[in-house]
Amino acid sequence: MERRCLVLIPGLLNDADLWRDQVAALSPVYDVRVADITQGETMAVLAETVFALAPERFSLAGFSMGGYVAQEMLRQAPDRVERLALLDTSIHADTPQKAAERSALNQLAHAPGRFHGMGDRMMRAYMSPDHARDPEMTGRVRAMTQRLGLEVFLRQNGLPRTDGEAALRAFTRPVLVLCGELDGITPLAGHREMADLAWDAELVVAPGCGHLTPIEAPELVSAALDRWMRRT
């Protein structure tokens, strides 16, 4: 029997290692594929890139910026998506202030010698205090940011984040919404809102975790994804 396909989309300055533990846990049961969203110049192009990786029908999980790509995919071809998971992300467009902050950060990072991947200050913003002191976790995050580098950061950070509320409201198949309890980048309140908007959603909260739940709570995330994949 053909295995169900699960496509995982990383976030900003993430590669496949973000999903390392989920791929290991779920691959014995599902056809798990990790998208590469480092090359496209628009969210629409990134969505097309992910569609090209997938079969005609598949389950889709997007983390952080990957959640925005997933929402764009719902706008383009919702019938191809069997179920949707949104992890540590948002459905809201950038406010003018947020867009200005992204532009300023790109200008700062572009200055010679200013981009060093994920520094200690950013690590504390993205992870819980305990996990930001964990050398194995922080080492994985730093390695990803250094592998991808400045060019990818500038391209991904500069992409406009558009509103996904209508696409989520219209989606009538199983939805998983997952967030770290201490996520300061995309807070829990926004995930409660997404779960309320979706037609058939489960909300999962990772206790004591920040924004990077696939790394900070690998077993919880894998179990939630497996449970969601089994829903009909």
C-alpha atoms as a PDB file:
ATOM      1  CA  MET A   1       0.000   0.000   0.000  1.00  0.00           C
ATOM      2  CA  GLU A   2       1.269   3.474  -0.888  1.00  0.00           C
ATOM      3  CA  ARG A   3       2.357   5.444   2.167  1.00  0.00           C
ATOM      4  CA  ARG A   4       0.857   8.843   2.917  1.00  0.00           C
ATOM      5  CA  CYS A   5       3.184  11.696   2.004  1.00  0.00           C
ATOM      6  CA  LEU A   6       4.086  14.348   4.565  1.00  0.00           C
ATOM      7  CA  VAL A   7       5.879  17.483   3.353  1.00  0.00           C
ATOM      8  CA  LEU A   8       7.682  19.536   6.008  1.00  0.00           C
ATOM      9  CA  ILE A   9       8.589  23.176   5.343  1.00  0.00           C
ATOM     10  CA  PRO A  10      11.373  24.772   7.430  1.00  0.00           C
ATOM     11  CA  GLY A  11      11.456  28.398   8.548  1.00  0.00           C
ATOM     12  CA  LEU A  12      13.776  31.343   8.025  1.00  0.00           C
ATOM     13  CA  LEU A  13      17.453  30.299   7.987  1.00  0.00           C
ATOM     14  CA  ASN A  14      16.443  26.674   8.590  1.00  0.00           C
ATOM     15  CA  ASP A  15      17.308  23.676   6.484  1.00  0.00           C
ATOM     16  CA  ALA A  16      16.298  20.017   6.761  1.00  0.00           C
ATOM     17  CA  ASP A  17      18.104  19.628  10.084  1.00  0.00           C
ATOM     18  CA  LEU A  18      15.268  21.554  11.760  1.00  0.00           C
ATOM     19  CA  TRP A  19      13.081  18.496  11.149  1.00  0.00           C
ATOM     20  CA  ARG A  20      15.783  15.879  11.824  1.00  0.00           C
ATOM     21  CA  ASP A  21      14.000  14.210  14.736  1.00  0.00           C
ATOM     22  CA  GLN A  22      10.586  14.271  13.074  1.00  0.00           C
ATOM     23  CA  VAL A  23      11.969  12.717   9.892  1.00  0.00           C
ATOM     24  CA  ALA A  24      13.596   9.937  11.945  1.00  0.00           C
ATOM     25  CA  ALA A  25      10.434   9.273  13.955  1.00  0.00           C
ATOM     26  CA  LEU A  26       7.898   9.422  11.131  1.00  0.00           C
ATOM     27  CA  SER A  27       9.737   8.026   8.091  1.00  0.00           C
ATOM     28  CA  PRO A  28       9.092   4.371   9.055  1.00  0.00           C
ATOM     29  CA  VAL A  29       5.361   5.053   8.625  1.00  0.00           C
ATOM     30  CA  TYR A  30       5.076   7.921   6.138  1.00  0.00           C
ATOM     31  CA  ASP A  31       6.779   9.186   2.997  1.00  0.00           C
ATOM     32  CA  VAL A  32       8.411  12.244   4.622  1.00  0.00           C
ATOM     33  CA  ARG A  33       9.914  14.965   2.425  1.00  0.00           C
ATOM     34  CA  VAL A  34      11.565  18.217   3.553  1.00  0.00           C
ATOM     35  CA  ALA A  35      11.214  21.254   1.308  1.00  0.00           C
ATOM     36  CA  ASP A  36      13.980  23.705   0.441  1.00  0.00           C
ATOM     37  CA  ILE A  37      12.708  27.307   0.561  1.00  0.00           C
ATOM     38  CA  THR A  38      16.063  29.054   0.249  1.00  0.00           C
ATOM     39  CA  GLN A  39      15.919  30.062  -3.430  1.00  0.00           C
ATOM     40  CA  GLY A  40      12.635  31.731  -4.416  1.00  0.00           C
ATOM     41  CA  GLU A  41      12.159  35.492  -4.641  1.00  0.00           C
ATOM     42  CA  THR A  42       8.445  35.484  -3.714  1.00  0.00           C
ATOM     43  CA  MET A  43       6.146  33.402  -1.493  1.00  0.00           C
ATOM     44  CA  ALA A  44       4.324  32.293  -4.647  1.00  0.00           C
ATOM     45  CA  VAL A  45       7.528  30.908  -6.143  1.00  0.00           C
ATOM     46  CA  LEU A  46       8.396  29.157  -2.886  1.00  0.00           C
ATOM     47  CA  ALA A  47       4.945  27.558  -2.873  1.00  0.00           C
ATOM     48  CA  GLU A  48       5.481  26.307  -6.431  1.00  0.00           C
ATOM     49  CA  THR A  49       8.839  24.851  -5.349  1.00  0.00           C
ATOM     50  CA  VAL A  50       7.192  22.867  -2.562  1.00  0.00           C
ATOM     51  CA  PHE A  51       4.380  21.668  -4.827  1.00  0.00           C
ATOM     52  CA  ALA A  52       7.026  20.353  -7.251  1.00  0.00           C
ATOM     53  CA  LEU A  53       8.446  18.201  -4.442  1.00  0.00           C
ATOM     54  CA  ALA A  54       5.112  16.623  -3.571  1.00  0.00           C
ATOM     55  CA  PRO A  55       2.751  14.081  -5.133  1.00  0.00           C
ATOM     56  CA  GLU A  56      -0.721  15.120  -6.259  1.00  0.00           C
ATOM     57  CA  ARG A  57      -2.155  14.767  -2.725  1.00  0.00           C
ATOM     58  CA  PHE A  58      -0.141  15.174   0.457  1.00  0.00           C
ATOM     59  CA  SER A  59      -0.132  16.428   4.051  1.00  0.00           C
ATOM     60  CA  LEU A  60       1.618  19.737   4.695  1.00  0.00           C
ATOM     61  CA  ALA A  61       3.370  21.110   7.789  1.00  0.00           C
ATOM     62  CA  GLY A  62       4.921  24.583   7.858  1.00  0.00           C
ATOM     63  CA  PHE A  63       7.117  25.993  10.608  1.00  0.00           C
ATOM     64  CA  SER A  64       7.428  29.757  11.185  1.00  0.00           C
ATOM     65  CA  MET A  65       8.083  31.351   7.764  1.00  0.00           C
ATOM     66  CA  GLY A  66       7.253  27.940   6.316  1.00  0.00           C
ATOM     67  CA  GLY A  67       3.754  28.443   7.683  1.00  0.00           C
ATOM     68  CA  TYR A  68       3.356  31.458   5.405  1.00  0.00           C
ATOM     69  CA  VAL A  69       4.499  29.333   2.463  1.00  0.00           C
ATOM     70  CA  ALA A  70       1.915  26.711   3.442  1.00  0.00           C
ATOM     71  CA  GLN A  71      -0.801  29.376   3.496  1.00  0.00           C
ATOM     72  CA  GLU A  72       0.221  30.504   0.005  1.00  0.00           C
ATOM     73  CA  MET A  73      -0.076  26.877  -1.110  1.00  0.00           C
ATOM     74  CA  LEU A  74      -3.645  26.805   0.197  1.00  0.00           C
ATOM     75  CA  ARG A  75      -4.399  29.859  -1.915  1.00  0.00           C
ATOM     76  CA  GLN A  76      -2.902  28.267  -5.026  1.00  0.00           C
ATOM     77  CA  ALA A  77      -4.176  24.676  -4.853  1.00  0.00           C
ATOM     78  CA  PRO A  78      -6.064  23.793  -1.635  1.00  0.00           C
ATOM     79  CA  ASP A  79      -7.431  20.531  -3.064  1.00  0.00           C
ATOM     80  CA  ARG A  80      -3.937  19.046  -3.160  1.00  0.00           C
ATOM     81  CA  VAL A  81      -3.490  19.435   0.620  1.00  0.00           C
ATOM     82  CA  GLU A  82      -5.025  16.579   2.629  1.00  0.00           C
ATOM     83  CA  ARG A  83      -4.265  18.094   6.030  1.00  0.00           C
ATOM     84  CA  LEU A  84      -2.429  21.151   7.327  1.00  0.00           C
ATOM     85  CA  ALA A  85      -0.116  21.735  10.296  1.00  0.00           C
ATOM     86  CA  LEU A  86       1.003  25.222  11.332  1.00  0.00           C
ATOM     87  CA  LEU A  87       3.830  25.365  13.857  1.00  0.00           C
ATOM     88  CA  ASP A  88       5.088  28.515  15.602  1.00  0.00           C
ATOM     89  CA  THR A  89       3.833  30.811  12.868  1.00  0.00           C
ATOM     90  CA  SER A  90       1.142  33.398  12.140  1.00  0.00           C
ATOM     91  CA  ILE A  91      -1.665  34.053   9.680  1.00  0.00           C
ATOM     92  CA  HIS A  92      -1.365  37.829   9.888  1.00  0.00           C
ATOM     93  CA  ALA A  93       0.317  40.104   7.391  1.00  0.00           C
ATOM     94  CA  ASP A  94       3.224  42.228   8.500  1.00  0.00           C
ATOM     95  CA  THR A  95       2.168  45.521   9.991  1.00  0.00           C
ATOM     96  CA  PRO A  96       3.929  48.596   8.561  1.00  0.00           C
ATOM     97  CA  GLN A  97       6.051  48.636  11.707  1.00  0.00           C
ATOM     98  CA  LYS A  98       7.021  44.975  11.327  1.00  0.00           C
ATOM     99  CA  ALA A  99       7.843  45.443   7.646  1.00  0.00           C
ATOM    100  CA  ALA A 100      10.020  48.416   8.550  1.00  0.00           C
ATOM    101  CA  GLU A 101      11.792  46.333  11.209  1.00  0.00           C
ATOM    102  CA  ARG A 102      12.518  43.619   8.634  1.00  0.00           C
ATOM    103  CA  SER A 103      13.922  46.192   6.223  1.00  0.00           C
ATOM    104  CA  ALA A 104      16.109  47.721   8.924  1.00  0.00           C
ATOM    105  CA  LEU A 105      17.389  44.286   9.967  1.00  0.00           C
ATOM    106  CA  ASN A 106      18.323  43.479   6.381  1.00  0.00           C
ATOM    107  CA  GLN A 107      20.224  46.740   6.093  1.00  0.00           C
ATOM    108  CA  LEU A 108      22.040  46.046   9.346  1.00  0.00           C
ATOM    109  CA  ALA A 109      22.884  42.455   8.385  1.00  0.00           C
ATOM    110  CA  HIS A 110      24.153  43.596   4.989  1.00  0.00           C
ATOM    111  CA  ALA A 111      26.819  45.797   6.566  1.00  0.00           C
ATOM    112  CA  PRO A 112      30.313  44.232   6.341  1.00  0.00           C
ATOM    113  CA  GLY A 113      31.059  41.939   9.270  1.00  0.00           C
ATOM    114  CA  ARG A 114      27.625  42.243  10.875  1.00  0.00           C
ATOM    115  CA  PHE A 115      26.077  38.885   9.936  1.00  0.00           C
ATOM    116  CA  HIS A 116      27.245  36.003  12.118  1.00  0.00           C
ATOM    117  CA  GLY A 117      24.291  33.643  11.947  1.00  0.00           C
ATOM    118  CA  MET A 118      22.339  33.071  15.162  1.00  0.00           C
ATOM    119  CA  GLY A 119      24.065  35.023  17.930  1.00  0.00           C
ATOM    120  CA  ASP A 120      23.455  34.683  21.655  1.00  0.00           C
ATOM    121  CA  ARG A 121      20.965  37.557  21.746  1.00  0.00           C
ATOM    122  CA  MET A 122      18.838  36.074  18.965  1.00  0.00           C
ATOM    123  CA  MET A 123      19.116  32.607  20.497  1.00  0.00           C
ATOM    124  CA  ARG A 124      17.586  33.912  23.716  1.00  0.00           C
ATOM    125  CA  ALA A 125      14.722  35.403  21.698  1.00  0.00           C
ATOM    126  CA  TYR A 126      14.058  32.210  19.757  1.00  0.00           C
ATOM    127  CA  MET A 127      14.468  29.561  22.474  1.00  0.00           C
ATOM    128  CA  SER A 128      13.357  29.163  26.064  1.00  0.00           C
ATOM    129  CA  PRO A 129      15.970  30.232  28.663  1.00  0.00           C
ATOM    130  CA  ASP A 130      16.799  26.613  29.505  1.00  0.00           C
ATOM    131  CA  HIS A 131      17.149  25.525  25.904  1.00  0.00           C
ATOM    132  CA  ALA A 132      19.203  28.588  24.963  1.00  0.00           C
ATOM    133  CA  ARG A 133      21.828  27.213  27.374  1.00  0.00           C
ATOM    134  CA  ASP A 134      21.768  23.728  25.840  1.00  0.00           C
ATOM    135  CA  PRO A 135      24.907  23.356  23.683  1.00  0.00           C
ATOM    136  CA  GLU A 136      23.490  20.555  21.516  1.00  0.00           C
ATOM    137  CA  MET A 137      20.349  22.501  20.636  1.00  0.00           C
ATOM    138  CA  THR A 138      22.080  25.817  20.101  1.00  0.00           C
ATOM    139  CA  GLY A 139      24.825  24.144  18.094  1.00  0.00           C
ATOM    140  CA  ARG A 140      22.263  22.747  15.662  1.00  0.00           C
ATOM    141  CA  VAL A 141      20.640  26.159  15.220  1.00  0.00           C
ATOM    142  CA  ARG A 142      23.942  27.974  14.716  1.00  0.00           C
ATOM    143  CA  ALA A 143      25.086  25.367  12.200  1.00  0.00           C
ATOM    144  CA  MET A 144      21.956  25.872  10.101  1.00  0.00           C
ATOM    145  CA  THR A 145      22.251  29.647  10.056  1.00  0.00           C
ATOM    146  CA  GLN A 146      25.924  29.475   9.135  1.00  0.00           C
ATOM    147  CA  ARG A 147      25.311  26.935   6.364  1.00  0.00           C
ATOM    148  CA  LEU A 148      22.632  29.111   4.773  1.00  0.00           C
ATOM    149  CA  GLY A 149      24.319  32.454   5.363  1.00  0.00           C
ATOM    150  CA  LEU A 150      23.685  36.093   4.626  1.00  0.00           C
ATOM    151  CA  GLU A 151      22.266  35.816   1.109  1.00  0.00           C
ATOM    152  CA  VAL A 152      19.510  33.428   2.173  1.00  0.00           C
ATOM    153  CA  PHE A 153      18.736  35.514   5.263  1.00  0.00           C
ATOM    154  CA  LEU A 154      18.344  38.701   3.214  1.00  0.00           C
ATOM    155  CA  ARG A 155      16.127  36.995   0.654  1.00  0.00           C
ATOM    156  CA  GLN A 156      13.878  35.210   3.156  1.00  0.00           C
ATOM    157  CA  ASN A 157      13.616  38.047   5.651  1.00  0.00           C
ATOM    158  CA  GLY A 158      12.701  40.462   2.869  1.00  0.00           C
ATOM    159  CA  LEU A 159       9.693  38.458   1.645  1.00  0.00           C
ATOM    160  CA  PRO A 160       6.363  40.122   2.529  1.00  0.00           C
ATOM    161  CA  ARG A 161       4.198  38.104   4.906  1.00  0.00           C
ATOM    162  CA  THR A 162       0.598  38.282   3.705  1.00  0.00           C
ATOM    163  CA  ASP A 163      -2.655  37.551   5.522  1.00  0.00           C
ATOM    164  CA  GLY A 164      -3.724  33.907   5.527  1.00  0.00           C
ATOM    165  CA  GLU A 165      -6.998  34.111   7.447  1.00  0.00           C
ATOM    166  CA  ALA A 166      -9.269  33.542   4.445  1.00  0.00           C
ATOM    167  CA  ALA A 167      -7.267  30.530   3.256  1.00  0.00           C
ATOM    168  CA  LEU A 168      -7.346  28.951   6.723  1.00  0.00           C
ATOM    169  CA  ARG A 169     -11.068  29.589   7.179  1.00  0.00           C
ATOM    170  CA  ALA A 170     -11.802  27.942   3.831  1.00  0.00           C
ATOM    171  CA  PHE A 171      -9.757  24.809   4.567  1.00  0.00           C
ATOM    172  CA  THR A 172     -12.093  22.025   5.776  1.00  0.00           C
ATOM    173  CA  ARG A 173      -9.694  19.164   6.403  1.00  0.00           C
ATOM    174  CA  PRO A 174      -7.749  18.274   9.583  1.00  0.00           C
ATOM    175  CA  VAL A 175      -5.548  21.050  10.998  1.00  0.00           C
ATOM    176  CA  LEU A 176      -2.852  20.910  13.667  1.00  0.00           C
ATOM    177  CA  VAL A 177      -1.790  24.153  15.341  1.00  0.00           C
ATOM    178  CA  LEU A 178       1.305  23.811  17.537  1.00  0.00           C
ATOM    179  CA  CYS A 179       3.238  26.422  19.520  1.00  0.00           C
ATOM    180  CA  GLY A 180       5.846  26.682  22.226  1.00  0.00           C
ATOM    181  CA  GLU A 181       4.384  27.910  25.506  1.00  0.00           C
ATOM    182  CA  LEU A 182       7.078  30.597  25.707  1.00  0.00           C
ATOM    183  CA  ASP A 183       7.258  31.484  22.013  1.00  0.00           C
ATOM    184  CA  GLY A 184       8.055  35.192  21.909  1.00  0.00           C
ATOM    185  CA  ILE A 185       8.356  35.389  18.107  1.00  0.00           C
ATOM    186  CA  THR A 186       4.866  34.084  17.262  1.00  0.00           C
ATOM    187  CA  PRO A 187       3.082  33.967  20.641  1.00  0.00           C
ATOM    188  CA  LEU A 188       0.572  31.419  21.822  1.00  0.00           C
ATOM    189  CA  ALA A 189      -2.385  33.821  21.596  1.00  0.00           C
ATOM    190  CA  GLY A 190      -2.074  33.895  17.815  1.00  0.00           C
ATOM    191  CA  HIS A 191      -2.144  30.109  17.676  1.00  0.00           C
ATOM    192  CA  ARG A 192      -5.300  29.991  19.763  1.00  0.00           C
ATOM    193  CA  GLU A 193      -6.804  32.349  17.208  1.00  0.00           C
ATOM    194  CA  MET A 194      -5.743  30.090  14.329  1.00  0.00           C
ATOM    195  CA  ALA A 195      -7.206  27.025  16.039  1.00  0.00           C
ATOM    196  CA  ASP A 196     -10.493  28.861  16.574  1.00  0.00           C
ATOM    197  CA  LEU A 197     -10.632  29.960  12.929  1.00  0.00           C
ATOM    198  CA  ALA A 198      -9.929  26.536  11.450  1.00  0.00           C
ATOM    199  CA  TRP A 199     -12.804  24.173  10.725  1.00  0.00           C
ATOM    200  CA  ASP A 200     -11.264  21.053  12.320  1.00  0.00           C
ATOM    201  CA  ALA A 201      -8.228  21.994  14.431  1.00  0.00           C
ATOM    202  CA  GLU A 202      -6.279  20.566  17.349  1.00  0.00           C
ATOM    203  CA  LEU A 203      -4.149  23.010  19.363  1.00  0.00           C
ATOM    204  CA  VAL A 204      -0.992  21.587  20.954  1.00  0.00           C
ATOM    205  CA  VAL A 205       1.186  23.621  23.330  1.00  0.00           C
ATOM    206  CA  ALA A 206       4.792  22.593  24.035  1.00  0.00           C
ATOM    207  CA  PRO A 207       5.413  23.341  27.736  1.00  0.00           C
ATOM    208  CA  GLY A 208       8.552  25.287  28.583  1.00  0.00           C
ATOM    209  CA  CYS A 209       9.503  25.776  24.929  1.00  0.00           C
ATOM    210  CA  GLY A 210      10.208  28.840  22.830  1.00  0.00           C
ATOM    211  CA  HIS A 211       9.854  29.307  19.083  1.00  0.00           C
ATOM    212  CA  LEU A 212      11.927  26.355  17.848  1.00  0.00           C
ATOM    213  CA  THR A 213       9.646  23.509  18.918  1.00  0.00           C
ATOM    214  CA  PRO A 214      10.869  20.876  16.402  1.00  0.00           C
ATOM    215  CA  ILE A 215      14.271  21.138  18.130  1.00  0.00           C
ATOM    216  CA  GLU A 216      13.163  22.066  21.658  1.00  0.00           C
ATOM    217  CA  ALA A 217      10.373  19.450  21.940  1.00  0.00           C
ATOM    218  CA  PRO A 218      11.157  16.810  19.297  1.00  0.00           C
ATOM    219  CA  GLU A 219       9.152  13.943  20.790  1.00  0.00           C
ATOM    220  CA  LEU A 220       6.075  16.073  21.446  1.00  0.00           C
ATOM    221  CA  VAL A 221       6.161  17.507  17.904  1.00  0.00           C
ATOM    222  CA  SER A 222       6.648  14.076  16.319  1.00  0.00           C
ATOM    223  CA  ALA A 223       3.793  12.593  18.353  1.00  0.00           C
ATOM    224  CA  ALA A 224       1.470  15.482  17.480  1.00  0.00           C
ATOM    225  CA  LEU A 225       2.272  15.150  13.787  1.00  0.00           C
ATOM    226  CA  ASP A 226       1.709  11.399  13.890  1.00  0.00           C
ATOM    227  CA  ARG A 227      -1.645  11.812  15.639  1.00  0.00           C
ATOM    228  CA  TRP A 228      -2.667  14.463  13.072  1.00  0.00           C
ATOM    229  CA  MET A 229      -1.583  12.234  10.160  1.00  0.00           C
ATOM    230  CA  ARG A 230      -3.930   9.523  11.464  1.00  0.00           C
ATOM    231  CA  ARG A 231      -6.954  11.805  11.605  1.00  0.00           C
ATOM    232  CA  THR A 232      -9.589  11.462   8.907  1.00  0.00           C
END
